[in-house]
Amino acid sequence: MNEAETRAEPIDPAIKAAGWGVIEGVAMVQASTIQSAQESV
């Protein structure tokens, strides 16, 4: 399990259940890894 999965699976649901982090009209996206041009060659 990486950092993004750790946050998405056990942490985010617990935060939401506690009533935190829910703002009407605001959408959150999960972080993703971006590969540099040098790494893709």
N, C-alpha and C. Protein backbone atom coordinates (compact mmCIF):
# COMPACT_ATOMS: atom_id res chain seq x y z
N MET A 1 0.86 -1.18 0.00
CA MET A 1 0.00 0.00 0.00
C MET A 1 0.90 1.24 0.00
N ASN A 2 0.68 2.15 -0.96
CA ASN A 2 1.48 3.36 -1.00
C ASN A 2 0.80 4.49 -0.22
N GLU A 3 1.41 5.65 -0.20
CA GLU A 3 0.90 6.78 0.59
C GLU A 3 -0.50 7.20 0.14
N ALA A 4 -0.72 7.28 -1.16
CA ALA A 4 -2.04 7.70 -1.67
C ALA A 4 -3.12 6.69 -1.30
N GLU A 5 -2.80 5.40 -1.39
CA GLU A 5 -3.77 4.36 -1.02
C GLU A 5 -4.05 4.37 0.47
N THR A 6 -3.02 4.61 1.27
CA THR A 6 -3.20 4.68 2.72
C THR A 6 -4.15 5.81 3.08
N ARG A 7 -3.99 6.95 2.42
CA ARG A 7 -4.86 8.08 2.69
C ARG A 7 -6.27 7.80 2.20
N ALA A 8 -6.40 7.23 1.00
CA ALA A 8 -7.71 7.03 0.39
C ALA A 8 -8.54 5.96 1.09
N GLU A 9 -7.89 4.90 1.56
CA GLU A 9 -8.66 3.78 2.13
C GLU A 9 -8.99 3.96 3.61
N PRO A 10 -8.02 3.99 4.54
CA PRO A 10 -8.43 4.09 5.94
C PRO A 10 -8.59 5.53 6.47
N ILE A 11 -7.85 6.48 5.92
CA ILE A 11 -7.84 7.82 6.51
C ILE A 11 -9.01 8.67 6.02
N ASP A 12 -9.21 8.79 4.71
CA ASP A 12 -10.29 9.64 4.19
C ASP A 12 -11.67 9.26 4.72
N PRO A 13 -12.04 7.97 4.75
CA PRO A 13 -13.35 7.61 5.30
C PRO A 13 -13.50 8.00 6.79
N ALA A 14 -12.41 7.87 7.55
CA ALA A 14 -12.47 8.25 8.97
C ALA A 14 -12.65 9.75 9.13
N ILE A 15 -11.98 10.52 8.30
CA ILE A 15 -12.13 11.98 8.34
C ILE A 15 -13.55 12.38 7.97
N LYS A 16 -14.08 11.77 6.92
CA LYS A 16 -15.44 12.06 6.48
C LYS A 16 -16.46 11.66 7.54
N ALA A 17 -16.27 10.50 8.17
CA ALA A 17 -17.18 10.02 9.21
C ALA A 17 -17.20 10.96 10.42
N ALA A 18 -16.06 11.62 10.66
CA ALA A 18 -15.97 12.57 11.78
C ALA A 18 -16.55 13.93 11.42
N GLY A 19 -16.98 14.09 10.14
CA GLY A 19 -17.58 15.35 9.71
C GLY A 19 -16.57 16.38 9.22
N TRP A 20 -15.33 15.98 9.06
CA TRP A 20 -14.30 16.88 8.58
C TRP A 20 -14.11 16.73 7.09
N GLY A 21 -13.62 17.77 6.45
CA GLY A 21 -13.22 17.70 5.05
C GLY A 21 -14.35 17.68 4.05
N VAL A 22 -15.57 17.87 4.48
CA VAL A 22 -16.69 17.88 3.56
C VAL A 22 -17.12 19.34 3.37
N ILE A 23 -16.88 19.86 2.16
CA ILE A 23 -17.24 21.24 1.83
C ILE A 23 -18.12 21.19 0.59
N GLU A 24 -19.33 21.68 0.71
CA GLU A 24 -20.27 21.64 -0.40
C GLU A 24 -19.70 22.37 -1.62
N GLY A 25 -19.78 21.73 -2.77
CA GLY A 25 -19.32 22.34 -4.01
C GLY A 25 -17.83 22.19 -4.27
N VAL A 26 -17.11 21.48 -3.41
CA VAL A 26 -15.67 21.29 -3.58
C VAL A 26 -15.40 19.81 -3.86
N ALA A 27 -14.61 19.56 -4.89
CA ALA A 27 -14.25 18.19 -5.24
C ALA A 27 -12.76 17.98 -5.03
N MET A 28 -12.39 16.82 -4.51
CA MET A 28 -10.99 16.48 -4.29
C MET A 28 -10.63 15.36 -5.25
N VAL A 29 -9.39 15.37 -5.70
CA VAL A 29 -8.89 14.28 -6.55
C VAL A 29 -7.74 13.60 -5.85
N GLN A 30 -7.57 12.33 -6.13
CA GLN A 30 -6.47 11.58 -5.52
C GLN A 30 -5.17 11.95 -6.22
N ALA A 31 -4.11 12.07 -5.44
CA ALA A 31 -2.79 12.38 -5.98
C ALA A 31 -2.31 11.24 -6.87
N SER A 32 -1.51 11.59 -7.87
CA SER A 32 -0.93 10.56 -8.73
C SER A 32 0.53 10.91 -9.02
N THR A 33 1.29 9.93 -9.42
CA THR A 33 2.71 10.11 -9.70
C THR A 33 2.88 10.63 -11.12
N ILE A 34 3.72 11.63 -11.27
CA ILE A 34 4.03 12.18 -12.59
C ILE A 34 5.47 11.82 -12.91
N GLN A 35 5.66 11.22 -14.06
CA GLN A 35 7.00 10.80 -14.47
C GLN A 35 7.64 11.91 -15.29
N SER A 36 8.89 12.25 -15.01
CA SER A 36 9.59 13.29 -15.76
C SER A 36 9.94 12.77 -17.15
N ALA A 37 10.20 13.68 -18.08
CA ALA A 37 10.58 13.31 -19.44
C ALA A 37 11.86 12.51 -19.46
N GLN A 38 12.79 12.83 -18.57
CA GLN A 38 14.05 12.11 -18.53
C GLN A 38 13.86 10.66 -18.08
N GLU A 39 12.93 10.42 -17.19
CA GLU A 39 12.68 9.08 -16.68
C GLU A 39 11.98 8.20 -17.71
N SER A 40 11.24 8.81 -18.64
CA SER A 40 10.46 8.03 -19.59
C SER A 40 11.26 7.62 -20.81
N VAL A 41 12.48 8.09 -20.97
CA VAL A 41 13.30 7.77 -22.14
C VAL A 41 13.94 6.42 -21.96
